[in-house]
Amino acid sequence: LAPALAPRCAMGALLTRLEDRQRAAALDGKLADLKQAKKLRDVEVSIRIATTRDRLCWLGAYYSFVMVAAACRHVSMHRRGVAMHWDNFFLPLRIPVTFIPPFLFTYQLDLALSPTTLLGLPIGGKANRIAEEAERIRDGARHRWFGSALLPEVDDSTLWIHRPICLPVVLEEAYRRERARDAEARAKKGLA
């Protein structure tokens, strides 16, 4: 009887190994799907942040322009001897509203044009600037918005997109295998 059971045991061990390999492959696939989903989410979030920073720059330019116009109006009225009081101290509403269409037009023109210089001012290439800023956000480095010395310096490493994913216990072994394969590939390329 023992010789008759040996092929069954060998077949059972083979099936167990196949099942283990299939399970490991399924877990590796699930881990790859999670990593891809996180990467996609990080790209989307970084592009949203970069787009918001770009909009804040345009809004800052608009309000700065309106403040300069208000200051010029105030100085002009003061020189003419107009007494300042509540009715004439602030800009009439028609002035800021009149400035909105040109700013909206140039905002959209900046997106539509490829990078160029118009009357000595760089315009166009907004998509490239946003993509480069999004890449800096994903790198998590300390930098100035859009690489400009006039804009705020931020440390994007504090953003939540740089936090690791909390993996389920089931995927921890797949993660270790993936990290070992990654380390081996980096060592072969001399990047370790």
Protein backbone atom coordinates (compact mmCIF):
# COMPACT_ATOMS: atom_id res chain seq x y z
CA LEU A 1 0.00 0.00 0.00
CA ALA A 2 2.79 2.44 0.78
CA PRO A 3 4.16 2.43 -2.81
CA ALA A 4 0.65 3.17 -4.10
CA LEU A 5 0.34 6.25 -1.82
CA ALA A 6 3.69 7.76 -2.86
CA PRO A 7 2.45 9.10 -6.22
CA ARG A 8 -0.60 10.59 -4.50
CA CYS A 9 1.59 12.37 -1.93
CA ALA A 10 3.88 13.69 -4.66
CA MET A 11 0.87 14.86 -6.65
CA GLY A 12 -0.59 16.52 -3.53
CA ALA A 13 2.70 18.32 -2.81
CA LEU A 14 2.85 19.48 -6.43
CA LEU A 15 -0.70 20.82 -6.26
CA THR A 16 0.06 22.57 -2.97
CA ARG A 17 3.10 24.26 -4.51
CA LEU A 18 1.03 25.31 -7.54
CA GLU A 19 -1.66 26.72 -5.26
CA ASP A 20 0.96 28.61 -3.25
CA ARG A 21 2.44 30.08 -6.42
CA GLN A 22 -1.00 31.07 -7.71
CA ARG A 23 -1.84 32.67 -4.36
CA ALA A 24 1.48 34.53 -4.34
CA ALA A 25 0.92 35.69 -7.93
CA ALA A 26 -2.59 36.88 -7.06
CA LEU A 27 -1.28 38.79 -4.04
CA ASP A 28 1.55 40.28 -6.12
CA GLY A 29 -1.04 41.39 -8.67
CA LYS A 30 -3.21 42.93 -5.97
CA LEU A 31 -0.19 44.76 -4.56
CA ALA A 32 0.69 46.05 -8.03
CA ASP A 33 -2.90 47.26 -8.45
CA LEU A 34 -2.74 49.09 -5.10
CA LYS A 35 0.58 50.72 -5.98
CA GLN A 36 -0.78 51.81 -9.37
CA ALA A 37 -3.93 53.22 -7.77
CA LYS A 38 -1.83 55.17 -5.23
CA LYS A 39 0.42 56.50 -7.98
CA LEU A 40 -2.58 57.59 -10.03
CA ARG A 41 -4.15 59.28 -6.99
CA ASP A 42 -0.85 61.02 -6.18
CA VAL A 43 -0.59 62.32 -9.76
CA GLU A 44 -4.17 63.63 -9.66
CA VAL A 45 -3.71 65.32 -6.29
CA SER A 46 -0.36 66.87 -7.24
CA ILE A 47 -1.86 68.28 -10.46
CA ARG A 48 -4.77 69.73 -8.48
CA ILE A 49 -2.38 71.35 -6.02
CA ALA A 50 -0.22 72.75 -8.85
CA THR A 51 -3.32 74.08 -10.65
CA THR A 52 -4.51 75.72 -7.43
CA ARG A 53 -1.11 77.35 -6.97
CA ASP A 54 -1.30 78.68 -10.53
CA ARG A 55 -4.78 80.09 -9.92
CA LEU A 56 -3.63 81.71 -6.70
CA CYS A 57 -0.84 83.43 -8.64
CA TRP A 58 -3.34 84.77 -11.16
CA LEU A 59 -5.74 85.90 -8.42
CA GLY A 60 -2.86 87.57 -6.60
CA ALA A 61 -1.92 89.40 -9.81
CA TYR A 62 -5.53 90.49 -10.34
CA TYR A 63 -5.98 91.83 -6.81
CA SER A 64 -2.56 93.49 -6.90
CA PHE A 65 -3.56 95.24 -10.12
CA VAL A 66 -6.85 96.36 -8.58
CA MET A 67 -5.03 97.65 -5.47
CA VAL A 68 -2.57 99.61 -7.64
CA ALA A 69 -5.51 101.07 -9.59
CA ALA A 70 -7.22 102.01 -6.31
CA ALA A 71 -4.04 103.61 -4.97
CA CYS A 72 -3.57 105.61 -8.19
CA ARG A 73 -7.21 106.75 -8.03
CA HIS A 74 -6.81 107.72 -4.37
CA VAL A 75 -3.65 109.74 -5.08
CA SER A 76 -5.29 111.40 -8.09
CA MET A 77 -8.38 112.38 -6.11
CA HIS A 78 -6.27 113.56 -3.18
CA ARG A 79 -4.18 115.82 -5.46
CA ARG A 80 -7.35 117.29 -6.94
CA GLY A 81 -8.49 118.22 -3.45
CA VAL A 82 -11.39 115.78 -3.23
CA ALA A 83 -12.21 115.11 0.41
CA MET A 84 -12.08 111.40 1.18
CA HIS A 85 -15.07 109.93 2.95
CA TRP A 86 -17.04 106.70 2.94
CA ASP A 87 -18.69 107.25 -0.47
CA ASN A 88 -15.53 107.81 -2.51
CA PHE A 89 -12.78 106.09 -0.53
CA PHE A 90 -13.25 102.67 -2.15
CA LEU A 91 -13.14 101.86 -5.85
CA PRO A 92 -16.47 101.96 -7.63
CA LEU A 93 -17.62 98.41 -8.34
CA ARG A 94 -17.51 98.94 -12.12
CA ILE A 95 -13.70 99.26 -12.09
CA PRO A 96 -12.79 95.82 -10.66
CA VAL A 97 -15.54 94.22 -12.77
CA THR A 98 -14.08 95.86 -15.87
CA PHE A 99 -10.69 94.29 -15.16
CA ILE A 100 -12.04 90.73 -14.85
CA PRO A 101 -12.44 89.87 -18.58
CA PRO A 102 -8.86 90.78 -19.58
CA PHE A 103 -7.47 88.69 -16.71
CA LEU A 104 -9.71 85.73 -17.57
CA PHE A 105 -8.71 86.04 -21.23
CA THR A 106 -4.98 86.05 -20.47
CA TYR A 107 -5.45 83.17 -17.99
CA GLN A 108 -6.96 81.04 -20.77
CA LEU A 109 -4.48 82.35 -23.35
CA ASP A 110 -1.65 81.26 -21.08
CA LEU A 111 -3.04 77.71 -21.22
CA ALA A 112 -3.69 77.75 -24.98
CA LEU A 113 -0.32 79.10 -26.16
CA SER A 114 2.96 77.30 -26.26
CA PRO A 115 5.72 79.09 -24.30
CA THR A 116 6.59 82.43 -25.90
CA THR A 117 7.45 86.01 -25.02
CA LEU A 118 4.95 88.77 -25.76
CA LEU A 119 6.03 92.39 -25.25
CA GLY A 120 8.88 91.16 -23.06
CA LEU A 121 6.59 89.10 -20.83
CA PRO A 122 6.67 85.31 -20.86
CA ILE A 123 3.25 83.85 -21.68
CA GLY A 124 2.03 80.41 -22.59
CA GLY A 125 3.16 77.02 -21.46
CA LYS A 126 0.83 76.84 -18.46
CA ALA A 127 0.37 73.08 -19.00
CA ASN A 128 4.14 72.58 -18.88
CA ARG A 129 4.49 74.74 -15.75
CA ILE A 130 1.71 72.87 -13.98
CA ALA A 131 3.20 69.49 -14.94
CA GLU A 132 6.65 70.55 -13.70
CA GLU A 133 5.21 71.88 -10.43
CA ALA A 134 3.20 68.66 -9.97
CA GLU A 135 6.40 66.67 -10.45
CA ARG A 136 8.17 68.78 -7.80
CA ILE A 137 5.20 68.18 -5.47
CA ARG A 138 5.45 64.42 -6.01
CA ASP A 139 9.22 64.56 -5.41
CA GLY A 140 8.48 66.05 -2.00
CA ALA A 141 11.32 68.53 -2.11
CA ARG A 142 11.55 71.99 -0.57
CA HIS A 143 11.14 74.49 -3.41
CA ARG A 144 9.56 77.76 -4.47
CA TRP A 145 6.29 77.67 -6.40
CA PHE A 146 7.04 77.29 -10.10
CA GLY A 147 10.72 77.92 -9.41
CA SER A 148 10.15 81.67 -8.99
CA ALA A 149 12.05 83.64 -6.36
CA LEU A 150 8.99 85.89 -5.91
CA LEU A 151 6.66 83.08 -4.86
CA PRO A 152 6.41 81.22 -1.53
CA GLU A 153 8.79 78.44 -0.58
CA VAL A 154 7.09 75.20 0.45
CA ASP A 155 8.13 71.84 1.79
CA ASP A 156 5.95 69.37 -0.08
CA SER A 157 7.35 66.39 1.80
CA THR A 158 4.76 67.10 4.49
CA LEU A 159 1.83 66.39 2.15
CA TRP A 160 -0.17 63.23 2.80
CA ILE A 161 0.67 61.84 -0.66
CA HIS A 162 4.14 61.07 0.70
CA ARG A 163 2.84 58.87 3.49
CA PRO A 164 3.09 55.12 2.98
CA ILE A 165 0.00 53.01 2.41
CA CYS A 166 -1.12 50.92 5.35
CA LEU A 167 -1.21 47.47 3.74
CA PRO A 168 -3.43 44.65 4.92
CA VAL A 169 -1.56 41.86 6.68
CA VAL A 170 -2.30 39.53 3.74
CA LEU A 171 -0.21 41.72 1.40
CA GLU A 172 2.84 42.15 3.63
CA GLU A 173 4.62 39.07 2.26
CA ALA A 174 3.91 40.19 -1.31
CA TYR A 175 5.35 43.60 -0.42
CA ARG A 176 8.53 42.02 0.95
CA ARG A 177 8.92 39.97 -2.25
CA GLU A 178 8.37 43.06 -4.37
CA ARG A 179 10.93 45.06 -2.37
CA ALA A 180 13.48 42.22 -2.69
CA ARG A 181 12.95 42.07 -6.49
CA ASP A 182 13.25 45.86 -6.67
CA ALA A 183 16.46 45.87 -4.63
CA GLU A 184 17.90 43.11 -6.84
CA ALA A 185 17.02 45.02 -10.02
CA ARG A 186 18.52 48.23 -8.64
CA ALA A 187 21.70 46.36 -7.65
CA LYS A 188 22.04 44.94 -11.18
CA LYS A 189 21.78 48.46 -12.61
CA GLY A 190 24.22 49.80 -10.03
CA LEU A 191 21.61 52.06 -8.40
CA ALA A 192 21.72 50.47 -4.95
